[in-house]
Amino acid sequence: MDRREKELIQRLLKPMDGERLLDVNCGEGNYLRFFRGRGCSVTGTDPSQHMLDMARETLGQRVDLCPGDYEDLPFSDNEFDIVTLIFPDSECNLQNAINEAIRVCRGRIFLGTINRYSPGSAYGAKNAASDPYGYPLRSSVPEMIRLIRSSLSDTTIKWGSVIFFPPGWYPAGSFFEERIPAMRNPFGSFIGLAFPVTYTHITVQDPLGEASKAKAAGGYPEPGAARRRTGK
């Protein structure tokens, strides 16, 4: 199941050697290890210091790890080539999390979550009361596309799903799994969506008068300037 998830991520995202990648809610670092193996320079953030400590034990010093919340990432605008948000916690505001991922990204974003409408989902429901880190969000392809379009109305979205059978079928059932088309298939237990992010700069009108469109010395926008993002 883990291999199938990562095959879908690879197919949709196509990470390249040397790209800077941020994995939001990185947990124990499973996906950080995967992306580092593809040559990416990886950074992980998680609200749980315990999870970050576990990721450090797994990955050593060749990774940047820091505490961070979905809706308030401790990074500057356009800092990463790739931002991933895989199995977000059900307690997070996903729209705000997507907006924050867009803010820190200059390339492309991957979202992965459990499909609430998958027949016989391979991911059993977790009891939030017994899990101090919450339980994964369940969503659907139409819901995720709607959230992305709310932030980037004209971006191109690629999507697919995998894991079509119960866990007990694997690994023996992999032969059948791999013969089911993954791209634009809405029935798998794990759904993934990838989309590009671009940005432009605009000038916001100052409430006391029209703000100048000229840039200040050093190439930075003058006070009052804001960025508008568009999909490509």
C-alpha atoms as a PDB file:
ATOM      1  CA  MET A   1       0.000   0.000   0.000  1.00  0.00           C
ATOM      2  CA  ASP A   2       2.834   2.371   0.857  1.00  0.00           C
ATOM      3  CA  ARG A   3       4.516   1.608  -2.464  1.00  0.00           C
ATOM      4  CA  ARG A   4       1.325   2.289  -4.406  1.00  0.00           C
ATOM      5  CA  GLU A   5       0.862   5.651  -2.660  1.00  0.00           C
ATOM      6  CA  LYS A   6       4.399   6.690  -3.524  1.00  0.00           C
ATOM      7  CA  GLU A   7       4.059   5.541  -7.123  1.00  0.00           C
ATOM      8  CA  LEU A   8       1.051   7.850  -7.497  1.00  0.00           C
ATOM      9  CA  ILE A   9       2.916  10.730  -5.858  1.00  0.00           C
ATOM     10  CA  GLN A  10       5.888  10.179  -8.167  1.00  0.00           C
ATOM     11  CA  ARG A  11       3.663  10.078 -11.237  1.00  0.00           C
ATOM     12  CA  LEU A  12       1.739  13.244 -10.373  1.00  0.00           C
ATOM     13  CA  LEU A  13       4.508  15.344  -8.871  1.00  0.00           C
ATOM     14  CA  LYS A  14       7.690  14.222 -10.664  1.00  0.00           C
ATOM     15  CA  PRO A  15      10.158  15.536  -8.042  1.00  0.00           C
ATOM     16  CA  MET A  16      13.559  16.422  -9.482  1.00  0.00           C
ATOM     17  CA  ASP A  17      17.084  16.367  -8.145  1.00  0.00           C
ATOM     18  CA  GLY A  18      17.995  19.548  -6.285  1.00  0.00           C
ATOM     19  CA  GLU A  19      14.457  20.836  -5.738  1.00  0.00           C
ATOM     20  CA  ARG A  20      13.564  22.269  -2.323  1.00  0.00           C
ATOM     21  CA  LEU A  21      10.625  20.418  -0.829  1.00  0.00           C
ATOM     22  CA  LEU A  22       8.480  21.063   2.226  1.00  0.00           C
ATOM     23  CA  ASP A  23       6.360  18.261   3.688  1.00  0.00           C
ATOM     24  CA  VAL A  24       3.670  19.762   5.927  1.00  0.00           C
ATOM     25  CA  ASN A  25       2.619  17.535   8.828  1.00  0.00           C
ATOM     26  CA  CYS A  26       5.601  15.290   8.100  1.00  0.00           C
ATOM     27  CA  GLY A  27       5.049  12.941  11.049  1.00  0.00           C
ATOM     28  CA  GLU A  28       7.801  10.345  11.390  1.00  0.00           C
ATOM     29  CA  GLY A  29       9.376  11.386   8.081  1.00  0.00           C
ATOM     30  CA  ASN A  30       8.187   8.572   5.795  1.00  0.00           C
ATOM     31  CA  TYR A  31       7.603  10.861   2.818  1.00  0.00           C
ATOM     32  CA  LEU A  32      10.648  13.001   3.593  1.00  0.00           C
ATOM     33  CA  ARG A  33      12.779   9.880   3.208  1.00  0.00           C
ATOM     34  CA  PHE A  34      11.058   9.103  -0.094  1.00  0.00           C
ATOM     35  CA  PHE A  35      11.649  12.585  -1.516  1.00  0.00           C
ATOM     36  CA  ARG A  36      15.227  12.723  -0.271  1.00  0.00           C
ATOM     37  CA  GLY A  37      15.794   9.490  -2.178  1.00  0.00           C
ATOM     38  CA  ARG A  38      14.695  11.395  -5.316  1.00  0.00           C
ATOM     39  CA  GLY A  39      17.407  13.995  -4.753  1.00  0.00           C
ATOM     40  CA  CYS A  40      15.277  16.708  -3.167  1.00  0.00           C
ATOM     41  CA  SER A  41      16.502  19.001  -0.401  1.00  0.00           C
ATOM     42  CA  VAL A  42      13.839  18.257   2.198  1.00  0.00           C
ATOM     43  CA  THR A  43      12.251  20.205   5.034  1.00  0.00           C
ATOM     44  CA  GLY A  44       9.541  18.922   7.343  1.00  0.00           C
ATOM     45  CA  THR A  45       7.200  20.652   9.714  1.00  0.00           C
ATOM     46  CA  ASP A  46       4.782  19.165  12.238  1.00  0.00           C
ATOM     47  CA  PRO A  47       2.798  20.548  15.193  1.00  0.00           C
ATOM     48  CA  SER A  48       4.058  17.681  17.377  1.00  0.00           C
ATOM     49  CA  GLN A  49       7.605  17.917  18.718  1.00  0.00           C
ATOM     50  CA  HIS A  50       7.435  14.194  19.497  1.00  0.00           C
ATOM     51  CA  MET A  51       6.860  13.405  15.822  1.00  0.00           C
ATOM     52  CA  LEU A  52       9.710  15.698  14.816  1.00  0.00           C
ATOM     53  CA  ASP A  53      12.003  13.885  17.255  1.00  0.00           C
ATOM     54  CA  MET A  54      11.015  10.565  15.684  1.00  0.00           C
ATOM     55  CA  ALA A  55      11.683  11.972  12.208  1.00  0.00           C
ATOM     56  CA  ARG A  56      15.116  13.140  13.358  1.00  0.00           C
ATOM     57  CA  GLU A  57      15.940   9.656  14.626  1.00  0.00           C
ATOM     58  CA  THR A  58      14.905   8.212  11.281  1.00  0.00           C
ATOM     59  CA  LEU A  59      16.524  10.765   8.956  1.00  0.00           C
ATOM     60  CA  GLY A  60      19.488  12.085  10.900  1.00  0.00           C
ATOM     61  CA  GLN A  61      20.905  15.537  10.225  1.00  0.00           C
ATOM     62  CA  ARG A  62      20.346  15.643   6.463  1.00  0.00           C
ATOM     63  CA  VAL A  63      16.902  17.180   6.865  1.00  0.00           C
ATOM     64  CA  ASP A  64      15.524  20.449   8.228  1.00  0.00           C
ATOM     65  CA  LEU A  65      12.775  19.934  10.810  1.00  0.00           C
ATOM     66  CA  CYS A  66      10.815  22.561  12.699  1.00  0.00           C
ATOM     67  CA  PRO A  67       7.502  22.945  14.535  1.00  0.00           C
ATOM     68  CA  GLY A  68       4.759  24.459  12.429  1.00  0.00           C
ATOM     69  CA  ASP A  69       1.026  24.649  12.038  1.00  0.00           C
ATOM     70  CA  TYR A  70      -0.887  23.995   8.805  1.00  0.00           C
ATOM     71  CA  GLU A  71      -2.294  27.509   8.786  1.00  0.00           C
ATOM     72  CA  ASP A  72       0.820  29.380   9.915  1.00  0.00           C
ATOM     73  CA  LEU A  73       3.955  27.935   8.344  1.00  0.00           C
ATOM     74  CA  PRO A  74       7.234  29.473   9.613  1.00  0.00           C
ATOM     75  CA  PHE A  75       8.598  30.173   6.130  1.00  0.00           C
ATOM     76  CA  SER A  76       8.744  33.127   3.761  1.00  0.00           C
ATOM     77  CA  ASP A  77       6.770  33.470   0.538  1.00  0.00           C
ATOM     78  CA  ASN A  78       7.806  31.368  -2.467  1.00  0.00           C
ATOM     79  CA  GLU A  79      10.448  29.496  -0.502  1.00  0.00           C
ATOM     80  CA  PHE A  80       9.929  25.951  -1.838  1.00  0.00           C
ATOM     81  CA  ASP A  81       9.791  24.338  -5.264  1.00  0.00           C
ATOM     82  CA  ILE A  82       7.404  21.683  -3.951  1.00  0.00           C
ATOM     83  CA  VAL A  83       5.004  21.645  -1.004  1.00  0.00           C
ATOM     84  CA  THR A  84       3.251  18.425   0.012  1.00  0.00           C
ATOM     85  CA  LEU A  85       0.337  17.961   2.379  1.00  0.00           C
ATOM     86  CA  ILE A  86      -0.305  14.226   2.786  1.00  0.00           C
ATOM     87  CA  PHE A  87      -2.873  12.827   5.217  1.00  0.00           C
ATOM     88  CA  PRO A  88      -3.767  16.181   6.825  1.00  0.00           C
ATOM     89  CA  ASP A  89      -5.339  15.985  10.257  1.00  0.00           C
ATOM     90  CA  SER A  90      -9.132  16.111  10.285  1.00  0.00           C
ATOM     91  CA  GLU A  91      -9.015  19.040  12.713  1.00  0.00           C
ATOM     92  CA  CYS A  92      -7.222  21.354  10.278  1.00  0.00           C
ATOM     93  CA  ASN A  93      -9.014  23.923   8.148  1.00  0.00           C
ATOM     94  CA  LEU A  94      -8.049  22.481   4.773  1.00  0.00           C
ATOM     95  CA  GLN A  95      -8.879  25.636   2.809  1.00  0.00           C
ATOM     96  CA  ASN A  96      -6.559  27.692   5.009  1.00  0.00           C
ATOM     97  CA  ALA A  97      -3.912  24.967   4.833  1.00  0.00           C
ATOM     98  CA  ILE A  98      -4.029  25.023   1.024  1.00  0.00           C
ATOM     99  CA  ASN A  99      -3.745  28.816   1.002  1.00  0.00           C
ATOM    100  CA  GLU A 100      -0.710  28.651   3.274  1.00  0.00           C
ATOM    101  CA  ALA A 101       0.899  25.952   1.115  1.00  0.00           C
ATOM    102  CA  ILE A 102       0.370  28.185  -1.922  1.00  0.00           C
ATOM    103  CA  ARG A 103       1.974  31.115  -0.095  1.00  0.00           C
ATOM    104  CA  VAL A 104       5.263  29.321   0.569  1.00  0.00           C
ATOM    105  CA  CYS A 105       5.417  27.551  -2.804  1.00  0.00           C
ATOM    106  CA  ARG A 106       6.961  28.745  -6.060  1.00  0.00           C
ATOM    107  CA  GLY A 107       6.459  25.572  -8.079  1.00  0.00           C
ATOM    108  CA  ARG A 108       3.861  22.890  -7.446  1.00  0.00           C
ATOM    109  CA  ILE A 109       1.796  21.357  -4.666  1.00  0.00           C
ATOM    110  CA  PHE A 110       0.678  17.820  -3.895  1.00  0.00           C
ATOM    111  CA  LEU A 111      -2.337  17.012  -1.721  1.00  0.00           C
ATOM    112  CA  GLY A 112      -3.032  13.451  -0.606  1.00  0.00           C
ATOM    113  CA  THR A 113      -5.864  12.213   1.577  1.00  0.00           C
ATOM    114  CA  ILE A 114      -8.182   9.301   2.319  1.00  0.00           C
ATOM    115  CA  ASN A 115     -11.124   8.949  -0.041  1.00  0.00           C
ATOM    116  CA  ARG A 116     -14.322   9.090   1.998  1.00  0.00           C
ATOM    117  CA  TYR A 117     -16.292   7.507  -0.868  1.00  0.00           C
ATOM    118  CA  SER A 118     -13.994   4.581  -1.623  1.00  0.00           C
ATOM    119  CA  PRO A 119     -15.941   1.284  -1.464  1.00  0.00           C
ATOM    120  CA  GLY A 120     -14.465  -0.716   1.404  1.00  0.00           C
ATOM    121  CA  SER A 121     -11.728   1.816   2.209  1.00  0.00           C
ATOM    122  CA  ALA A 122      -8.397   0.214   3.063  1.00  0.00           C
ATOM    123  CA  TYR A 123      -7.847   2.792   5.805  1.00  0.00           C
ATOM    124  CA  GLY A 124      -9.763   1.984   8.980  1.00  0.00           C
ATOM    125  CA  ALA A 125     -11.224   4.876  10.945  1.00  0.00           C
ATOM    126  CA  LYS A 126      -9.037   5.922  13.869  1.00  0.00           C
ATOM    127  CA  ASN A 127     -10.449   6.865  17.244  1.00  0.00           C
ATOM    128  CA  ALA A 128      -9.477  10.479  17.899  1.00  0.00           C
ATOM    129  CA  ALA A 129     -10.012  10.023  21.634  1.00  0.00           C
ATOM    130  CA  SER A 130      -7.238   7.421  21.799  1.00  0.00           C
ATOM    131  CA  ASP A 131      -4.863   9.155  19.388  1.00  0.00           C
ATOM    132  CA  PRO A 132      -3.226  12.353  20.710  1.00  0.00           C
ATOM    133  CA  TYR A 133      -2.279  13.361  17.152  1.00  0.00           C
ATOM    134  CA  GLY A 134      -5.819  13.197  15.790  1.00  0.00           C
ATOM    135  CA  TYR A 135      -6.944  11.168  12.787  1.00  0.00           C
ATOM    136  CA  PRO A 136      -6.568  11.688   9.025  1.00  0.00           C
ATOM    137  CA  LEU A 137      -8.987  13.837   7.087  1.00  0.00           C
ATOM    138  CA  ARG A 138     -11.370  12.042   4.734  1.00  0.00           C
ATOM    139  CA  SER A 139     -12.354  13.864   1.575  1.00  0.00           C
ATOM    140  CA  SER A 140     -13.160  13.240  -2.102  1.00  0.00           C
ATOM    141  CA  VAL A 141     -11.855  14.324  -5.478  1.00  0.00           C
ATOM    142  CA  PRO A 142     -14.682  16.862  -6.106  1.00  0.00           C
ATOM    143  CA  GLU A 143     -14.249  18.366  -2.635  1.00  0.00           C
ATOM    144  CA  MET A 144     -10.494  18.744  -3.038  1.00  0.00           C
ATOM    145  CA  ILE A 145     -10.813  20.240  -6.510  1.00  0.00           C
ATOM    146  CA  ARG A 146     -13.363  22.750  -5.210  1.00  0.00           C
ATOM    147  CA  LEU A 147     -10.979  23.868  -2.449  1.00  0.00           C
ATOM    148  CA  ILE A 148      -8.072  24.222  -4.878  1.00  0.00           C
ATOM    149  CA  ARG A 149     -10.226  26.186  -7.344  1.00  0.00           C
ATOM    150  CA  SER A 150     -11.288  28.515  -4.516  1.00  0.00           C
ATOM    151  CA  SER A 151      -7.649  29.560  -4.188  1.00  0.00           C
ATOM    152  CA  LEU A 152      -6.386  29.166  -7.778  1.00  0.00           C
ATOM    153  CA  SER A 153      -9.320  29.285 -10.130  1.00  0.00           C
ATOM    154  CA  ASP A 154      -7.407  28.652 -13.361  1.00  0.00           C
ATOM    155  CA  THR A 155      -4.699  26.203 -12.328  1.00  0.00           C
ATOM    156  CA  THR A 156      -4.340  22.791 -13.978  1.00  0.00           C
ATOM    157  CA  ILE A 157      -5.077  19.909 -11.620  1.00  0.00           C
ATOM    158  CA  LYS A 158      -3.837  16.364 -12.180  1.00  0.00           C
ATOM    159  CA  TRP A 159      -5.297  13.655  -9.989  1.00  0.00           C
ATOM    160  CA  GLY A 160      -5.685   9.953  -9.445  1.00  0.00           C
ATOM    161  CA  SER A 161      -6.232   7.304  -6.797  1.00  0.00           C
ATOM    162  CA  VAL A 162      -4.819   3.936  -5.727  1.00  0.00           C
ATOM    163  CA  ILE A 163      -5.480   1.163  -3.160  1.00  0.00           C
ATOM    164  CA  PHE A 164      -8.661  -0.459  -4.444  1.00  0.00           C
ATOM    165  CA  PHE A 165      -8.774  -3.499  -2.159  1.00  0.00           C
ATOM    166  CA  PRO A 166      -8.828  -4.177   1.606  1.00  0.00           C
ATOM    167  CA  PRO A 167      -5.446  -4.385   3.384  1.00  0.00           C
ATOM    168  CA  GLY A 168      -5.635  -8.177   3.664  1.00  0.00           C
ATOM    169  CA  TRP A 169      -5.362  -8.444  -0.113  1.00  0.00           C
ATOM    170  CA  TYR A 170      -1.815  -7.073  -0.095  1.00  0.00           C
ATOM    171  CA  PRO A 171       0.801  -7.943  -1.163  1.00  0.00           C
ATOM    172  CA  ALA A 172      -0.814 -10.941  -2.891  1.00  0.00           C
ATOM    173  CA  GLY A 173      -3.390  -8.688  -4.579  1.00  0.00           C
ATOM    174  CA  SER A 174      -0.808  -6.293  -6.025  1.00  0.00           C
ATOM    175  CA  PHE A 175      -1.073  -8.053  -9.404  1.00  0.00           C
ATOM    176  CA  PHE A 176      -4.719  -7.000  -9.698  1.00  0.00           C
ATOM    177  CA  GLU A 177      -4.160  -3.566  -8.138  1.00  0.00           C
ATOM    178  CA  GLU A 178      -1.552  -2.602 -10.701  1.00  0.00           C
ATOM    179  CA  ARG A 179      -3.888  -3.390 -13.588  1.00  0.00           C
ATOM    180  CA  ILE A 180      -6.483  -0.866 -12.489  1.00  0.00           C
ATOM    181  CA  PRO A 181      -5.926   2.601 -14.037  1.00  0.00           C
ATOM    182  CA  ALA A 182      -4.960   5.124 -11.369  1.00  0.00           C
ATOM    183  CA  MET A 183      -5.212   8.416 -13.238  1.00  0.00           C
ATOM    184  CA  ARG A 184      -8.588  10.161 -12.968  1.00  0.00           C
ATOM    185  CA  ASN A 185     -10.004   7.153 -11.151  1.00  0.00           C
ATOM    186  CA  PRO A 186     -12.094   8.388  -8.165  1.00  0.00           C
ATOM    187  CA  PHE A 187     -12.551   5.038  -6.376  1.00  0.00           C
ATOM    188  CA  GLY A 188      -9.192   4.284  -4.737  1.00  0.00           C
ATOM    189  CA  SER A 189      -8.750   4.637  -0.979  1.00  0.00           C
ATOM    190  CA  PHE A 190      -5.862   7.102  -1.399  1.00  0.00           C
ATOM    191  CA  ILE A 191      -6.467  10.123  -3.622  1.00  0.00           C
ATOM    192  CA  GLY A 192      -3.733  12.479  -4.780  1.00  0.00           C
ATOM    193  CA  LEU A 193      -3.910  15.822  -6.568  1.00  0.00           C
ATOM    194  CA  ALA A 194      -1.058  17.942  -7.946  1.00  0.00           C
ATOM    195  CA  PHE A 195      -1.176  21.464  -9.347  1.00  0.00           C
ATOM    196  CA  PRO A 196       1.296  24.226 -10.281  1.00  0.00           C
ATOM    197  CA  VAL A 197       1.583  27.588  -8.545  1.00  0.00           C
ATOM    198  CA  THR A 198       2.728  30.848 -10.107  1.00  0.00           C
ATOM    199  CA  TYR A 199       2.592  34.376  -8.760  1.00  0.00           C
ATOM    200  CA  THR A 200       2.552  37.988  -9.866  1.00  0.00           C
ATOM    201  CA  HIS A 201       2.843  41.246  -7.941  1.00  0.00           C
ATOM    202  CA  ILE A 202       0.173  43.921  -7.737  1.00  0.00           C
ATOM    203  CA  THR A 203      -0.093  47.186  -5.845  1.00  0.00           C
ATOM    204  CA  VAL A 204      -2.808  47.659  -3.258  1.00  0.00           C
ATOM    205  CA  GLN A 205      -4.389  51.099  -3.047  1.00  0.00           C
ATOM    206  CA  ASP A 206      -3.338  52.952   0.096  1.00  0.00           C
ATOM    207  CA  PRO A 207      -6.428  54.100   2.045  1.00  0.00           C
ATOM    208  CA  LEU A 208      -4.969  57.625   2.258  1.00  0.00           C
ATOM    209  CA  GLY A 209      -4.128  57.881  -1.403  1.00  0.00           C
ATOM    210  CA  GLU A 210      -2.978  55.969  -4.437  1.00  0.00           C
ATOM    211  CA  ALA A 211       0.074  53.863  -3.683  1.00  0.00           C
ATOM    212  CA  SER A 212       3.021  54.199  -6.005  1.00  0.00           C
ATOM    213  CA  LYS A 213       3.635  51.247  -8.333  1.00  0.00           C
ATOM    214  CA  ALA A 214       7.366  51.886  -8.308  1.00  0.00           C
ATOM    215  CA  LYS A 215       9.572  49.525  -6.333  1.00  0.00           C
ATOM    216  CA  ALA A 216      11.658  50.743  -3.460  1.00  0.00           C
ATOM    217  CA  ALA A 217      15.449  50.635  -3.532  1.00  0.00           C
ATOM    218  CA  GLY A 218      16.792  47.105  -3.383  1.00  0.00           C
ATOM    219  CA  GLY A 219      14.075  45.648  -5.579  1.00  0.00           C
ATOM    220  CA  TYR A 220      11.437  45.074  -2.898  1.00  0.00           C
ATOM    221  CA  PRO A 221       7.872  46.381  -3.249  1.00  0.00           C
ATOM    222  CA  GLU A 222       7.052  49.546  -1.362  1.00  0.00           C
ATOM    223  CA  PRO A 223       4.882  49.323   1.765  1.00  0.00           C
ATOM    224  CA  GLY A 224       1.326  48.481   0.770  1.00  0.00           C
ATOM    225  CA  ALA A 225       2.354  46.129  -2.040  1.00  0.00           C
ATOM    226  CA  ALA A 226       0.764  42.696  -2.098  1.00  0.00           C
ATOM    227  CA  ARG A 227       1.114  39.617  -4.222  1.00  0.00           C
ATOM    228  CA  ARG A 228      -1.622  38.077  -6.312  1.00  0.00           C
ATOM    229  CA  ARG A 229      -1.195  34.421  -7.266  1.00  0.00           C
ATOM    230  CA  THR A 230      -2.464  32.798 -10.388  1.00  0.00           C
ATOM    231  CA  GLY A 231      -2.354  29.243 -11.650  1.00  0.00           C
ATOM    232  CA  LYS A 232      -0.450  28.402 -14.798  1.00  0.00           C
END
